[in-house]
Amino acid sequence: MSTTEVRRDESAAAAGVATVDMKLEVIVIPVSDVDRAMAFYQGLGWRLDGDFRGGDHFRGIQFTPPGSACSIQFGTNVTSAAPGSAQGLHLVVGDIEAAHADLVARGVPNSGVYHCQEGYACRFPGNDPPVPGPHPDRGTYGSFLDFTDPDGNGWVLQEVTTRFPGRVEGETTYASADDLSQALRRAAAAHGEHEARTGQADPDWPQWYAEFMRREQTGEQPPS
């Protein structure tokens, strides 16, 4: 039996087994100066979860970005990776221009907002260069911004307003109060168009809002 056949058999067997939730909890990033990195991430407005020490040879710092379910850790003897080698760490935002303004206000050097001529290909070497400014129609997943920490670990902000189908399986969640408020504004605008089409007030508007917001995140057709 070939290796390909073995893998195919294993995949088929796994398909019949209930999956176990595995939620990404922490990403470890390598830094050379713990206190400097700590000051930088505090300056971003990220929440300090803990500063853990084990004698003179270990120190672990944990921060969580606003609205994120995943945290970062760095410290002394936390990882053997070279400082600055963590690249392409993505942060999702609901409004890329507001995120840019926040970084500027905090004095964080960054690339400025940009988009790719096609998809997100410009994020990778050998493709067309990025184009300054947000995506022309503010297409979801289409606008970016880069910044680095003092060691050169690279972060990417990506604007996401509607999730790809299947990325959210029937569950409606928002990373922050700002994301939720923006979704409510979009729902309000769409609902106003809905009432204009029907020519009457909708007595069950909360249900309409909820269904609109759920479908927006799962990529389904909005309610009419």
N, C-alpha and C. Protein backbone atom coordinates (compact mmCIF):
# COMPACT_ATOMS: atom_id res chain seq x y z
N MET A 1 0.86 -1.20 0.00
CA MET A 1 0.00 0.00 0.00
C MET A 1 0.89 1.24 0.00
N SER A 2 0.55 2.22 -0.83
CA SER A 2 1.36 3.43 -0.93
C SER A 2 1.10 4.37 0.24
N THR A 3 2.02 5.35 0.41
CA THR A 3 1.84 6.36 1.45
C THR A 3 0.57 7.14 1.22
N THR A 4 0.28 7.44 -0.06
CA THR A 4 -0.93 8.19 -0.40
C THR A 4 -2.17 7.43 0.02
N GLU A 5 -2.17 6.08 -0.22
CA GLU A 5 -3.33 5.27 0.15
C GLU A 5 -3.51 5.22 1.66
N VAL A 6 -2.38 5.15 2.40
CA VAL A 6 -2.47 5.13 3.86
C VAL A 6 -3.08 6.41 4.37
N ARG A 7 -2.63 7.56 3.84
CA ARG A 7 -3.16 8.85 4.28
C ARG A 7 -4.63 8.97 3.94
N ARG A 8 -5.02 8.45 2.75
CA ARG A 8 -6.41 8.51 2.35
C ARG A 8 -7.27 7.68 3.32
N ASP A 9 -6.75 6.50 3.70
CA ASP A 9 -7.49 5.65 4.64
C ASP A 9 -7.61 6.32 6.00
N GLU A 10 -6.52 6.97 6.44
CA GLU A 10 -6.55 7.66 7.74
C GLU A 10 -7.55 8.80 7.71
N SER A 11 -7.61 9.54 6.58
CA SER A 11 -8.55 10.65 6.47
C SER A 11 -9.98 10.16 6.51
N ALA A 12 -10.22 9.03 5.83
CA ALA A 12 -11.57 8.48 5.81
C ALA A 12 -11.99 8.04 7.20
N ALA A 13 -11.05 7.45 7.95
CA ALA A 13 -11.37 7.01 9.31
C ALA A 13 -11.64 8.20 10.21
N ALA A 14 -10.83 9.25 10.04
CA ALA A 14 -10.99 10.44 10.88
C ALA A 14 -12.32 11.13 10.61
N ALA A 15 -12.82 11.00 9.38
CA ALA A 15 -14.06 11.68 9.03
C ALA A 15 -15.23 11.17 9.85
N GLY A 16 -15.11 9.93 10.32
CA GLY A 16 -16.20 9.36 11.10
C GLY A 16 -16.06 9.58 12.59
N VAL A 17 -15.04 10.31 13.02
CA VAL A 17 -14.78 10.56 14.44
C VAL A 17 -15.16 12.00 14.76
N ALA A 18 -15.84 12.18 15.88
CA ALA A 18 -16.23 13.54 16.29
C ALA A 18 -14.98 14.37 16.53
N THR A 19 -14.98 15.61 16.03
CA THR A 19 -13.83 16.47 16.23
C THR A 19 -13.86 17.09 17.62
N VAL A 20 -12.68 17.47 18.08
CA VAL A 20 -12.52 18.11 19.38
C VAL A 20 -12.20 19.58 19.15
N ASP A 21 -12.88 20.48 19.83
CA ASP A 21 -12.59 21.90 19.69
C ASP A 21 -11.14 22.18 20.06
N MET A 22 -10.44 22.88 19.20
CA MET A 22 -9.06 23.28 19.46
C MET A 22 -8.94 24.76 19.14
N LYS A 23 -9.05 25.59 20.15
CA LYS A 23 -9.05 27.04 19.96
C LYS A 23 -7.66 27.59 20.20
N LEU A 24 -7.16 28.33 19.20
CA LEU A 24 -5.82 28.90 19.32
C LEU A 24 -5.77 29.84 20.52
N GLU A 25 -4.87 29.57 21.44
CA GLU A 25 -4.82 30.28 22.71
C GLU A 25 -3.69 31.30 22.79
N VAL A 26 -2.48 30.88 22.37
CA VAL A 26 -1.31 31.73 22.56
C VAL A 26 -0.36 31.57 21.38
N ILE A 27 0.25 32.67 20.96
CA ILE A 27 1.34 32.66 19.99
C ILE A 27 2.57 33.19 20.70
N VAL A 28 3.67 32.46 20.61
CA VAL A 28 4.93 32.86 21.24
C VAL A 28 5.76 33.65 20.23
N ILE A 29 6.22 34.82 20.65
CA ILE A 29 7.06 35.63 19.77
C ILE A 29 8.42 35.83 20.42
N PRO A 30 9.50 35.77 19.64
CA PRO A 30 10.85 35.89 20.20
C PRO A 30 11.33 37.34 20.28
N VAL A 31 11.79 37.74 21.44
CA VAL A 31 12.29 39.10 21.63
C VAL A 31 13.65 39.06 22.30
N SER A 32 14.42 40.14 22.14
CA SER A 32 15.76 40.20 22.74
C SER A 32 15.77 40.97 24.05
N ASP A 33 14.83 41.89 24.22
CA ASP A 33 14.78 42.72 25.43
C ASP A 33 13.34 42.68 25.95
N VAL A 34 13.12 41.95 27.01
CA VAL A 34 11.77 41.71 27.52
C VAL A 34 11.10 43.01 27.96
N ASP A 35 11.82 43.84 28.70
CA ASP A 35 11.22 45.09 29.19
C ASP A 35 10.87 46.03 28.04
N ARG A 36 11.73 46.09 27.02
CA ARG A 36 11.45 46.94 25.87
C ARG A 36 10.20 46.45 25.14
N ALA A 37 10.11 45.13 24.94
CA ALA A 37 8.94 44.57 24.26
C ALA A 37 7.68 44.79 25.09
N MET A 38 7.82 44.67 26.39
CA MET A 38 6.67 44.88 27.28
C MET A 38 6.15 46.32 27.16
N ALA A 39 7.06 47.28 27.13
CA ALA A 39 6.66 48.68 27.00
C ALA A 39 5.98 48.93 25.65
N PHE A 40 6.48 48.29 24.61
CA PHE A 40 5.90 48.47 23.28
C PHE A 40 4.46 47.97 23.24
N TYR A 41 4.22 46.75 23.72
CA TYR A 41 2.87 46.19 23.64
C TYR A 41 1.91 46.87 24.61
N GLN A 42 2.42 47.36 25.72
CA GLN A 42 1.57 48.18 26.58
C GLN A 42 1.19 49.47 25.85
N GLY A 43 2.14 50.03 25.09
CA GLY A 43 1.87 51.24 24.34
C GLY A 43 0.84 51.04 23.25
N LEU A 44 0.67 49.81 22.78
CA LEU A 44 -0.36 49.51 21.79
C LEU A 44 -1.75 49.48 22.42
N GLY A 45 -1.79 49.47 23.75
CA GLY A 45 -3.08 49.37 24.43
C GLY A 45 -3.52 47.95 24.66
N TRP A 46 -2.60 46.98 24.51
CA TRP A 46 -2.94 45.58 24.74
C TRP A 46 -2.96 45.29 26.24
N ARG A 47 -3.79 44.35 26.63
CA ARG A 47 -3.96 44.03 28.05
C ARG A 47 -2.82 43.14 28.55
N LEU A 48 -2.19 43.55 29.63
CA LEU A 48 -1.17 42.72 30.26
C LEU A 48 -1.87 41.68 31.14
N ASP A 49 -1.72 40.41 30.77
CA ASP A 49 -2.37 39.33 31.52
C ASP A 49 -1.51 38.82 32.66
N GLY A 50 -0.21 38.89 32.49
CA GLY A 50 0.65 38.39 33.56
C GLY A 50 2.12 38.56 33.27
N ASP A 51 2.90 38.61 34.34
CA ASP A 51 4.35 38.69 34.28
C ASP A 51 4.84 37.60 35.23
N PHE A 52 5.21 36.46 34.63
CA PHE A 52 5.52 35.26 35.41
C PHE A 52 7.03 35.05 35.48
N ARG A 53 7.52 34.76 36.68
CA ARG A 53 8.95 34.56 36.86
C ARG A 53 9.22 33.23 37.55
N GLY A 54 10.31 32.61 37.13
CA GLY A 54 10.76 31.36 37.75
C GLY A 54 12.24 31.45 38.04
N GLY A 55 12.56 31.94 39.22
CA GLY A 55 13.97 32.12 39.58
C GLY A 55 14.62 33.18 38.72
N ASP A 56 15.93 33.02 38.48
CA ASP A 56 16.68 34.00 37.70
C ASP A 56 16.75 33.64 36.22
N HIS A 57 16.18 32.51 35.83
CA HIS A 57 16.40 32.01 34.48
C HIS A 57 15.15 31.99 33.60
N PHE A 58 14.01 32.35 34.17
CA PHE A 58 12.79 32.30 33.36
C PHE A 58 11.89 33.49 33.68
N ARG A 59 11.34 34.06 32.61
CA ARG A 59 10.34 35.10 32.75
C ARG A 59 9.39 35.02 31.56
N GLY A 60 8.11 35.01 31.83
CA GLY A 60 7.12 34.94 30.76
C GLY A 60 6.12 36.08 30.88
N ILE A 61 5.90 36.78 29.77
CA ILE A 61 4.95 37.90 29.71
C ILE A 61 3.82 37.50 28.78
N GLN A 62 2.59 37.80 29.16
CA GLN A 62 1.46 37.54 28.28
C GLN A 62 0.63 38.81 28.09
N PHE A 63 0.34 39.12 26.82
CA PHE A 63 -0.52 40.24 26.44
C PHE A 63 -1.66 39.71 25.56
N THR A 64 -2.80 40.41 25.60
CA THR A 64 -3.92 40.07 24.73
C THR A 64 -4.38 41.33 24.00
N PRO A 65 -4.43 41.28 22.65
CA PRO A 65 -4.94 42.44 21.90
C PRO A 65 -6.40 42.69 22.23
N PRO A 66 -6.87 43.94 22.14
CA PRO A 66 -8.28 44.24 22.45
C PRO A 66 -9.24 43.41 21.61
N GLY A 67 -10.17 42.74 22.29
CA GLY A 67 -11.19 41.95 21.61
C GLY A 67 -10.73 40.60 21.11
N SER A 68 -9.47 40.23 21.35
CA SER A 68 -8.93 38.97 20.82
C SER A 68 -9.14 37.82 21.79
N ALA A 69 -9.39 36.63 21.22
CA ALA A 69 -9.48 35.41 22.04
C ALA A 69 -8.12 34.74 22.14
N CYS A 70 -7.15 35.22 21.37
CA CYS A 70 -5.80 34.65 21.38
C CYS A 70 -4.82 35.67 21.94
N SER A 71 -3.84 35.20 22.69
CA SER A 71 -2.86 36.07 23.33
C SER A 71 -1.48 35.84 22.74
N ILE A 72 -0.53 36.68 23.14
CA ILE A 72 0.87 36.48 22.79
C ILE A 72 1.67 36.30 24.07
N GLN A 73 2.79 35.58 23.94
CA GLN A 73 3.71 35.42 25.06
C GLN A 73 5.12 35.65 24.56
N PHE A 74 5.96 36.23 25.41
CA PHE A 74 7.38 36.38 25.14
C PHE A 74 8.07 36.45 26.49
N GLY A 75 9.39 36.38 26.48
CA GLY A 75 10.09 36.46 27.75
C GLY A 75 11.50 35.94 27.67
N THR A 76 12.00 35.50 28.81
CA THR A 76 13.35 34.95 28.91
C THR A 76 13.27 33.44 28.96
N ASN A 77 13.99 32.78 28.06
CA ASN A 77 13.97 31.32 27.94
C ASN A 77 12.55 30.79 27.68
N VAL A 78 11.82 31.53 26.85
CA VAL A 78 10.48 31.11 26.45
C VAL A 78 10.52 30.39 25.10
N THR A 79 11.43 30.81 24.22
CA THR A 79 11.57 30.19 22.91
C THR A 79 13.01 30.30 22.45
N SER A 80 13.43 29.35 21.61
CA SER A 80 14.78 29.37 21.06
C SER A 80 14.83 30.07 19.71
N ALA A 81 13.68 30.53 19.21
CA ALA A 81 13.64 31.22 17.92
C ALA A 81 14.40 32.54 17.99
N ALA A 82 14.93 32.96 16.86
CA ALA A 82 15.70 34.21 16.81
C ALA A 82 14.77 35.40 16.98
N PRO A 83 15.16 36.39 17.80
CA PRO A 83 14.33 37.59 17.95
C PRO A 83 14.01 38.24 16.61
N GLY A 84 12.75 38.58 16.43
CA GLY A 84 12.33 39.22 15.19
C GLY A 84 11.94 38.26 14.08
N SER A 85 12.01 36.96 14.33
CA SER A 85 11.74 35.98 13.28
C SER A 85 10.26 35.66 13.09
N ALA A 86 9.41 36.14 13.98
CA ALA A 86 7.96 35.93 13.82
C ALA A 86 7.43 36.94 12.81
N GLN A 87 6.87 36.46 11.71
CA GLN A 87 6.42 37.34 10.64
C GLN A 87 5.00 36.97 10.21
N GLY A 88 4.29 37.95 9.64
CA GLY A 88 2.96 37.68 9.11
C GLY A 88 1.91 37.39 10.15
N LEU A 89 2.07 37.96 11.34
CA LEU A 89 1.09 37.75 12.41
C LEU A 89 -0.11 38.65 12.14
N HIS A 90 -1.26 38.07 11.87
CA HIS A 90 -2.42 38.84 11.42
C HIS A 90 -3.33 39.26 12.58
N LEU A 91 -3.73 40.51 12.52
CA LEU A 91 -4.74 41.05 13.43
C LEU A 91 -5.91 41.53 12.58
N VAL A 92 -7.11 41.10 12.90
CA VAL A 92 -8.30 41.47 12.13
C VAL A 92 -8.95 42.70 12.76
N VAL A 93 -9.29 43.68 11.92
CA VAL A 93 -9.97 44.89 12.38
C VAL A 93 -11.20 45.13 11.52
N GLY A 94 -12.18 45.82 12.09
CA GLY A 94 -13.39 46.13 11.35
C GLY A 94 -13.28 47.40 10.53
N ASP A 95 -12.32 48.27 10.88
CA ASP A 95 -12.14 49.53 10.17
C ASP A 95 -10.65 49.82 10.09
N ILE A 96 -10.05 49.59 8.93
CA ILE A 96 -8.60 49.71 8.78
C ILE A 96 -8.13 51.15 8.96
N GLU A 97 -8.94 52.12 8.55
CA GLU A 97 -8.52 53.51 8.68
C GLU A 97 -8.56 53.96 10.14
N ALA A 98 -9.54 53.49 10.89
CA ALA A 98 -9.59 53.80 12.32
C ALA A 98 -8.40 53.15 13.04
N ALA A 99 -8.05 51.93 12.64
CA ALA A 99 -6.90 51.25 13.24
C ALA A 99 -5.62 52.00 12.92
N HIS A 100 -5.51 52.50 11.70
CA HIS A 100 -4.33 53.27 11.31
C HIS A 100 -4.22 54.54 12.15
N ALA A 101 -5.34 55.23 12.32
CA ALA A 101 -5.34 56.46 13.12
C ALA A 101 -4.93 56.17 14.55
N ASP A 102 -5.34 55.03 15.07
CA ASP A 102 -4.99 54.67 16.45
C ASP A 102 -3.49 54.44 16.58
N LEU A 103 -2.90 53.73 15.61
CA LEU A 103 -1.45 53.50 15.65
C LEU A 103 -0.67 54.80 15.55
N VAL A 104 -1.13 55.68 14.67
CA VAL A 104 -0.46 56.98 14.52
C VAL A 104 -0.54 57.76 15.83
N ALA A 105 -1.70 57.75 16.46
CA ALA A 105 -1.88 58.48 17.72
C ALA A 105 -0.97 57.92 18.82
N ARG A 106 -0.67 56.64 18.73
CA ARG A 106 0.19 56.00 19.73
C ARG A 106 1.67 56.09 19.35
N GLY A 107 1.96 56.71 18.22
CA GLY A 107 3.35 56.88 17.80
C GLY A 107 4.01 55.63 17.28
N VAL A 108 3.21 54.70 16.74
CA VAL A 108 3.75 53.44 16.23
C VAL A 108 4.04 53.56 14.73
N PRO A 109 5.30 53.49 14.30
CA PRO A 109 5.60 53.54 12.86
C PRO A 109 4.90 52.40 12.14
N ASN A 110 4.38 52.67 10.95
CA ASN A 110 3.66 51.64 10.20
C ASN A 110 3.72 51.93 8.71
N SER A 111 3.25 51.00 7.93
CA SER A 111 3.32 51.10 6.47
C SER A 111 2.30 52.05 5.88
N GLY A 112 1.28 52.40 6.65
CA GLY A 112 0.14 53.08 6.07
C GLY A 112 -0.78 52.04 5.45
N VAL A 113 -2.02 52.43 5.20
CA VAL A 113 -3.00 51.49 4.65
C VAL A 113 -2.68 51.23 3.18
N TYR A 114 -2.81 49.97 2.77
CA TYR A 114 -2.59 49.61 1.38
C TYR A 114 -3.52 48.47 0.98
N HIS A 115 -3.62 48.23 -0.32
CA HIS A 115 -4.39 47.08 -0.81
C HIS A 115 -3.63 46.45 -1.97
N CYS A 116 -4.08 45.29 -2.38
CA CYS A 116 -3.45 44.57 -3.48
C CYS A 116 -4.31 44.69 -4.73
N GLN A 117 -3.65 44.67 -5.88
CA GLN A 117 -4.40 44.76 -7.13
C GLN A 117 -5.31 43.55 -7.33
N GLU A 118 -4.88 42.43 -6.77
CA GLU A 118 -5.69 41.22 -6.89
C GLU A 118 -5.60 40.43 -5.58
N GLY A 119 -6.75 40.26 -4.92
CA GLY A 119 -6.78 39.49 -3.69
C GLY A 119 -5.82 40.04 -2.66
N TYR A 120 -4.98 39.15 -2.10
CA TYR A 120 -3.96 39.59 -1.16
C TYR A 120 -2.59 39.10 -1.61
N ALA A 121 -2.41 38.98 -2.93
CA ALA A 121 -1.18 38.45 -3.49
C ALA A 121 0.03 39.31 -3.16
N CYS A 122 -0.16 40.64 -3.04
CA CYS A 122 0.98 41.51 -2.79
C CYS A 122 1.59 41.28 -1.42
N ARG A 123 0.94 40.48 -0.59
CA ARG A 123 1.50 40.16 0.71
C ARG A 123 2.68 39.20 0.59
N PHE A 124 2.88 38.64 -0.61
CA PHE A 124 3.91 37.62 -0.78
C PHE A 124 4.90 38.03 -1.86
N PRO A 125 6.18 37.63 -1.73
CA PRO A 125 7.22 38.03 -2.69
C PRO A 125 6.90 37.55 -4.11
N GLY A 126 7.34 38.35 -5.09
CA GLY A 126 7.19 37.94 -6.47
C GLY A 126 5.89 38.35 -7.12
N ASN A 127 5.00 39.00 -6.38
CA ASN A 127 3.72 39.43 -6.93
C ASN A 127 3.71 40.95 -7.13
N ASP A 128 2.62 41.46 -7.68
CA ASP A 128 2.51 42.89 -7.90
C ASP A 128 2.66 43.64 -6.58
N PRO A 129 3.28 44.80 -6.60
CA PRO A 129 3.49 45.56 -5.36
C PRO A 129 2.17 46.08 -4.81
N PRO A 130 2.13 46.39 -3.51
CA PRO A 130 0.91 46.92 -2.91
C PRO A 130 0.57 48.30 -3.46
N VAL A 131 -0.70 48.65 -3.39
CA VAL A 131 -1.19 49.95 -3.84
C VAL A 131 -1.58 50.77 -2.61
N PRO A 132 -1.10 52.00 -2.48
CA PRO A 132 -1.44 52.80 -1.30
C PRO A 132 -2.95 53.04 -1.19
N GLY A 133 -3.43 53.07 0.05
CA GLY A 133 -4.84 53.34 0.31
C GLY A 133 -5.65 52.08 0.50
N PRO A 134 -6.84 52.20 1.08
CA PRO A 134 -7.70 51.03 1.28
C PRO A 134 -8.23 50.50 -0.04
N HIS A 135 -8.76 49.30 0.00
CA HIS A 135 -9.37 48.69 -1.18
C HIS A 135 -10.44 49.63 -1.73
N PRO A 136 -10.51 49.85 -3.05
CA PRO A 136 -11.44 50.84 -3.62
C PRO A 136 -12.88 50.69 -3.16
N ASP A 137 -13.37 49.45 -3.06
CA ASP A 137 -14.75 49.28 -2.60
C ASP A 137 -14.81 48.75 -1.16
N ARG A 138 -13.65 48.86 -0.47
CA ARG A 138 -13.53 48.38 0.92
C ARG A 138 -13.96 46.93 1.02
N GLY A 139 -13.58 46.16 -0.03
CA GLY A 139 -13.90 44.73 -0.02
C GLY A 139 -13.31 44.04 1.18
N THR A 140 -14.07 43.13 1.78
CA THR A 140 -13.61 42.42 2.95
C THR A 140 -12.33 41.63 2.64
N TYR A 141 -11.42 41.58 3.59
CA TYR A 141 -10.11 40.94 3.46
C TYR A 141 -9.18 41.69 2.49
N GLY A 142 -9.57 42.90 2.05
CA GLY A 142 -8.84 43.54 0.97
C GLY A 142 -7.92 44.67 1.35
N SER A 143 -7.95 45.16 2.60
CA SER A 143 -7.12 46.30 2.99
C SER A 143 -6.19 45.90 4.13
N PHE A 144 -4.96 46.41 4.08
CA PHE A 144 -3.94 45.97 5.02
C PHE A 144 -3.13 47.14 5.59
N LEU A 145 -2.34 46.82 6.60
CA LEU A 145 -1.42 47.76 7.22
C LEU A 145 -0.39 46.92 7.96
N ASP A 146 0.88 47.29 7.87
CA ASP A 146 1.95 46.53 8.54
C ASP A 146 2.65 47.38 9.60
N PHE A 147 3.08 46.72 10.66
CA PHE A 147 3.98 47.36 11.62
C PHE A 147 4.83 46.28 12.27
N THR A 148 5.89 46.68 12.92
CA THR A 148 6.78 45.73 13.60
C THR A 148 7.01 46.17 15.03
N ASP A 149 7.36 45.20 15.87
CA ASP A 149 7.75 45.55 17.23
C ASP A 149 9.24 45.91 17.22
N PRO A 150 9.83 46.31 18.35
CA PRO A 150 11.23 46.76 18.35
C PRO A 150 12.23 45.72 17.86
N ASP A 151 11.87 44.43 17.92
CA ASP A 151 12.77 43.38 17.44
C ASP A 151 12.57 43.06 15.97
N GLY A 152 11.52 43.61 15.37
CA GLY A 152 11.25 43.32 13.97
C GLY A 152 10.23 42.24 13.74
N ASN A 153 9.60 41.73 14.80
CA ASN A 153 8.50 40.79 14.60
C ASN A 153 7.39 41.52 13.84
N GLY A 154 6.89 40.90 12.76
CA GLY A 154 6.00 41.60 11.85
C GLY A 154 4.53 41.31 12.04
N TRP A 155 3.76 42.39 12.16
CA TRP A 155 2.31 42.30 12.33
C TRP A 155 1.59 42.86 11.10
N VAL A 156 0.48 42.24 10.75
CA VAL A 156 -0.35 42.68 9.63
C VAL A 156 -1.76 42.94 10.15
N LEU A 157 -2.27 44.14 9.93
CA LEU A 157 -3.68 44.42 10.20
C LEU A 157 -4.45 44.20 8.91
N GLN A 158 -5.54 43.46 8.99
CA GLN A 158 -6.36 43.17 7.81
C GLN A 158 -7.81 43.52 8.13
N GLU A 159 -8.42 44.29 7.22
CA GLU A 159 -9.82 44.69 7.42
C GLU A 159 -10.75 43.56 6.98
N VAL A 160 -11.57 43.09 7.91
CA VAL A 160 -12.55 42.04 7.60
C VAL A 160 -13.92 42.53 8.06
N THR A 161 -14.82 42.66 7.10
CA THR A 161 -16.19 43.10 7.42
C THR A 161 -17.20 41.98 7.24
N THR A 162 -16.90 41.03 6.35
CA THR A 162 -17.76 39.86 6.14
C THR A 162 -16.88 38.64 6.01
N ARG A 163 -17.15 37.63 6.82
CA ARG A 163 -16.33 36.42 6.80
C ARG A 163 -16.63 35.59 5.55
N PHE A 164 -15.59 34.85 5.08
CA PHE A 164 -15.79 33.91 3.99
C PHE A 164 -16.80 32.84 4.43
N PRO A 165 -17.62 32.31 3.50
CA PRO A 165 -18.54 31.22 3.85
C PRO A 165 -17.77 30.05 4.47
N GLY A 166 -18.28 29.54 5.57
CA GLY A 166 -17.63 28.42 6.24
C GLY A 166 -16.64 28.84 7.30
N ARG A 167 -16.13 30.10 7.22
CA ARG A 167 -15.17 30.57 8.22
C ARG A 167 -15.84 30.70 9.57
N VAL A 168 -17.11 31.08 9.59
CA VAL A 168 -17.91 31.11 10.81
C VAL A 168 -19.10 30.21 10.58
N GLU A 169 -19.23 29.16 11.33
CA GLU A 169 -20.25 28.15 11.10
C GLU A 169 -21.52 28.47 11.89
N GLY A 170 -22.29 29.40 11.34
CA GLY A 170 -23.58 29.70 11.95
C GLY A 170 -23.49 30.47 13.26
N GLU A 171 -22.30 30.85 13.64
CA GLU A 171 -22.11 31.55 14.92
C GLU A 171 -21.76 33.00 14.66
N THR A 172 -22.45 33.91 15.32
CA THR A 172 -22.19 35.33 15.11
C THR A 172 -21.41 35.87 16.30
N THR A 173 -20.18 36.30 16.04
CA THR A 173 -19.34 36.84 17.10
C THR A 173 -18.65 38.10 16.59
N TYR A 174 -18.35 39.02 17.52
CA TYR A 174 -17.66 40.25 17.16
C TYR A 174 -16.49 40.44 18.12
N ALA A 175 -15.37 40.87 17.56
CA ALA A 175 -14.14 40.96 18.34
C ALA A 175 -14.14 42.10 19.34
N SER A 176 -14.96 43.12 19.10
CA SER A 176 -14.95 44.26 19.99
C SER A 176 -16.29 44.98 19.93
N ALA A 177 -16.51 45.89 20.87
CA ALA A 177 -17.74 46.69 20.86
C ALA A 177 -17.80 47.55 19.61
N ASP A 178 -16.64 48.01 19.14
CA ASP A 178 -16.62 48.84 17.92
C ASP A 178 -17.07 48.03 16.71
N ASP A 179 -16.59 46.77 16.60
CA ASP A 179 -17.02 45.92 15.50
C ASP A 179 -18.51 45.68 15.55
N LEU A 180 -19.04 45.45 16.75
CA LEU A 180 -20.48 45.20 16.91
C LEU A 180 -21.28 46.45 16.53
N SER A 181 -20.82 47.62 16.96
CA SER A 181 -21.56 48.84 16.66
C SER A 181 -21.58 49.10 15.15
N GLN A 182 -20.48 48.80 14.48
CA GLN A 182 -20.45 48.97 13.03
C GLN A 182 -21.41 47.99 12.35
N ALA A 183 -21.47 46.76 12.85
CA ALA A 183 -22.39 45.78 12.28
C ALA A 183 -23.83 46.22 12.48
N LEU A 184 -24.13 46.80 13.65
CA LEU A 184 -25.48 47.29 13.91
C LEU A 184 -25.84 48.44 12.96
N ARG A 185 -24.87 49.31 12.66
CA ARG A 185 -25.12 50.41 11.72
C ARG A 185 -25.42 49.87 10.32
N ARG A 186 -24.65 48.85 9.91
CA ARG A 186 -24.91 48.25 8.59
C ARG A 186 -26.28 47.60 8.56
N ALA A 187 -26.64 46.93 9.67
CA ALA A 187 -27.96 46.29 9.74
C ALA A 187 -29.07 47.34 9.70
N ALA A 188 -28.84 48.48 10.40
CA ALA A 188 -29.85 49.54 10.41
C ALA A 188 -30.06 50.11 9.02
N ALA A 189 -28.96 50.32 8.29
CA ALA A 189 -29.08 50.86 6.94
C ALA A 189 -29.81 49.88 6.02
N ALA A 190 -29.45 48.60 6.13
CA ALA A 190 -30.11 47.58 5.30
C ALA A 190 -31.58 47.44 5.67
N HIS A 191 -31.88 47.56 6.97
CA HIS A 191 -33.27 47.43 7.41
C HIS A 191 -34.11 48.61 6.92
N GLY A 192 -33.49 49.80 6.87
CA GLY A 192 -34.19 50.95 6.34
C GLY A 192 -34.59 50.73 4.88
N GLU A 193 -33.68 50.12 4.11
CA GLU A 193 -33.98 49.81 2.71
C GLU A 193 -35.08 48.75 2.63
N HIS A 194 -35.03 47.79 3.55
CA HIS A 194 -36.06 46.74 3.61
C HIS A 194 -37.44 47.34 3.85
N GLU A 195 -37.56 48.26 4.82
CA GLU A 195 -38.85 48.88 5.11
C GLU A 195 -39.32 49.76 3.95
N ALA A 196 -38.36 50.39 3.25
CA ALA A 196 -38.73 51.21 2.09
C ALA A 196 -39.32 50.33 0.98
N ARG A 197 -38.76 49.12 0.83
CA ARG A 197 -39.27 48.21 -0.19
C ARG A 197 -40.67 47.70 0.14
N THR A 198 -40.85 47.36 1.45
CA THR A 198 -42.15 46.80 1.85
C THR A 198 -43.20 47.88 2.06
N GLY A 199 -42.76 49.14 2.27
CA GLY A 199 -43.70 50.24 2.46
C GLY A 199 -44.38 50.24 3.81
N GLN A 200 -43.79 49.55 4.79
CA GLN A 200 -44.38 49.53 6.12
C GLN A 200 -43.31 49.28 7.18
N ALA A 201 -43.63 49.68 8.40
CA ALA A 201 -42.70 49.46 9.51
C ALA A 201 -42.67 47.97 9.85
N ASP A 202 -41.49 47.52 10.23
CA ASP A 202 -41.31 46.10 10.57
C ASP A 202 -41.41 45.94 12.09
N PRO A 203 -42.47 45.32 12.61
CA PRO A 203 -42.62 45.20 14.06
C PRO A 203 -41.59 44.24 14.68
N ASP A 204 -41.00 43.37 13.85
CA ASP A 204 -40.06 42.38 14.39
C ASP A 204 -38.63 42.70 13.95
N TRP A 205 -38.29 44.01 14.02
CA TRP A 205 -36.98 44.43 13.53
C TRP A 205 -35.80 43.80 14.28
N PRO A 206 -35.89 43.51 15.61
CA PRO A 206 -34.73 42.88 16.24
C PRO A 206 -34.37 41.54 15.61
N GLN A 207 -35.38 40.75 15.26
CA GLN A 207 -35.11 39.46 14.62
C GLN A 207 -34.48 39.67 13.25
N TRP A 208 -34.95 40.72 12.52
CA TRP A 208 -34.40 41.01 11.19
C TRP A 208 -32.93 41.42 11.32
N TYR A 209 -32.63 42.28 12.31
CA TYR A 209 -31.25 42.68 12.56
C TYR A 209 -30.37 41.46 12.83
N ALA A 210 -30.85 40.60 13.72
CA ALA A 210 -30.07 39.42 14.13
C ALA A 210 -29.78 38.52 12.94
N GLU A 211 -30.78 38.32 12.09
CA GLU A 211 -30.60 37.45 10.93
C GLU A 211 -29.65 38.10 9.92
N PHE A 212 -29.77 39.41 9.72
CA PHE A 212 -28.87 40.12 8.81
C PHE A 212 -27.42 39.97 9.28
N MET A 213 -27.16 40.19 10.57
CA MET A 213 -25.81 40.14 11.10
C MET A 213 -25.24 38.74 11.05
N ARG A 214 -26.09 37.74 11.29
CA ARG A 214 -25.62 36.36 11.20
C ARG A 214 -25.22 36.02 9.77
N ARG A 215 -26.09 36.38 8.81
CA ARG A 215 -25.81 36.06 7.41
C ARG A 215 -24.61 36.84 6.88
N GLU A 216 -24.43 38.06 7.38
CA GLU A 216 -23.29 38.85 6.94
C GLU A 216 -21.99 38.16 7.31
N GLN A 217 -21.91 37.60 8.50
CA GLN A 217 -20.68 36.95 8.92
C GLN A 217 -20.46 35.61 8.24
N THR A 218 -21.51 34.90 7.90
CA THR A 218 -21.36 33.59 7.27
C THR A 218 -21.32 33.67 5.76
N GLY A 219 -21.48 34.88 5.21
CA GLY A 219 -21.38 35.04 3.78
C GLY A 219 -22.63 34.65 3.02
N GLU A 220 -23.75 34.47 3.72
CA GLU A 220 -25.00 34.11 3.06
C GLU A 220 -25.69 35.35 2.50
N GLN A 221 -26.69 35.12 1.64
CA GLN A 221 -27.47 36.21 1.09
C GLN A 221 -28.24 36.91 2.21
N PRO A 222 -28.15 38.25 2.32
CA PRO A 222 -28.87 38.97 3.38
C PRO A 222 -30.37 38.79 3.23
N PRO A 223 -31.16 38.93 4.31
CA PRO A 223 -32.62 38.84 4.20
C PRO A 223 -33.14 39.97 3.33
N SER A 224 -34.22 39.72 2.62
CA SER A 224 -34.78 40.72 1.72
C SER A 224 -35.78 41.60 2.45
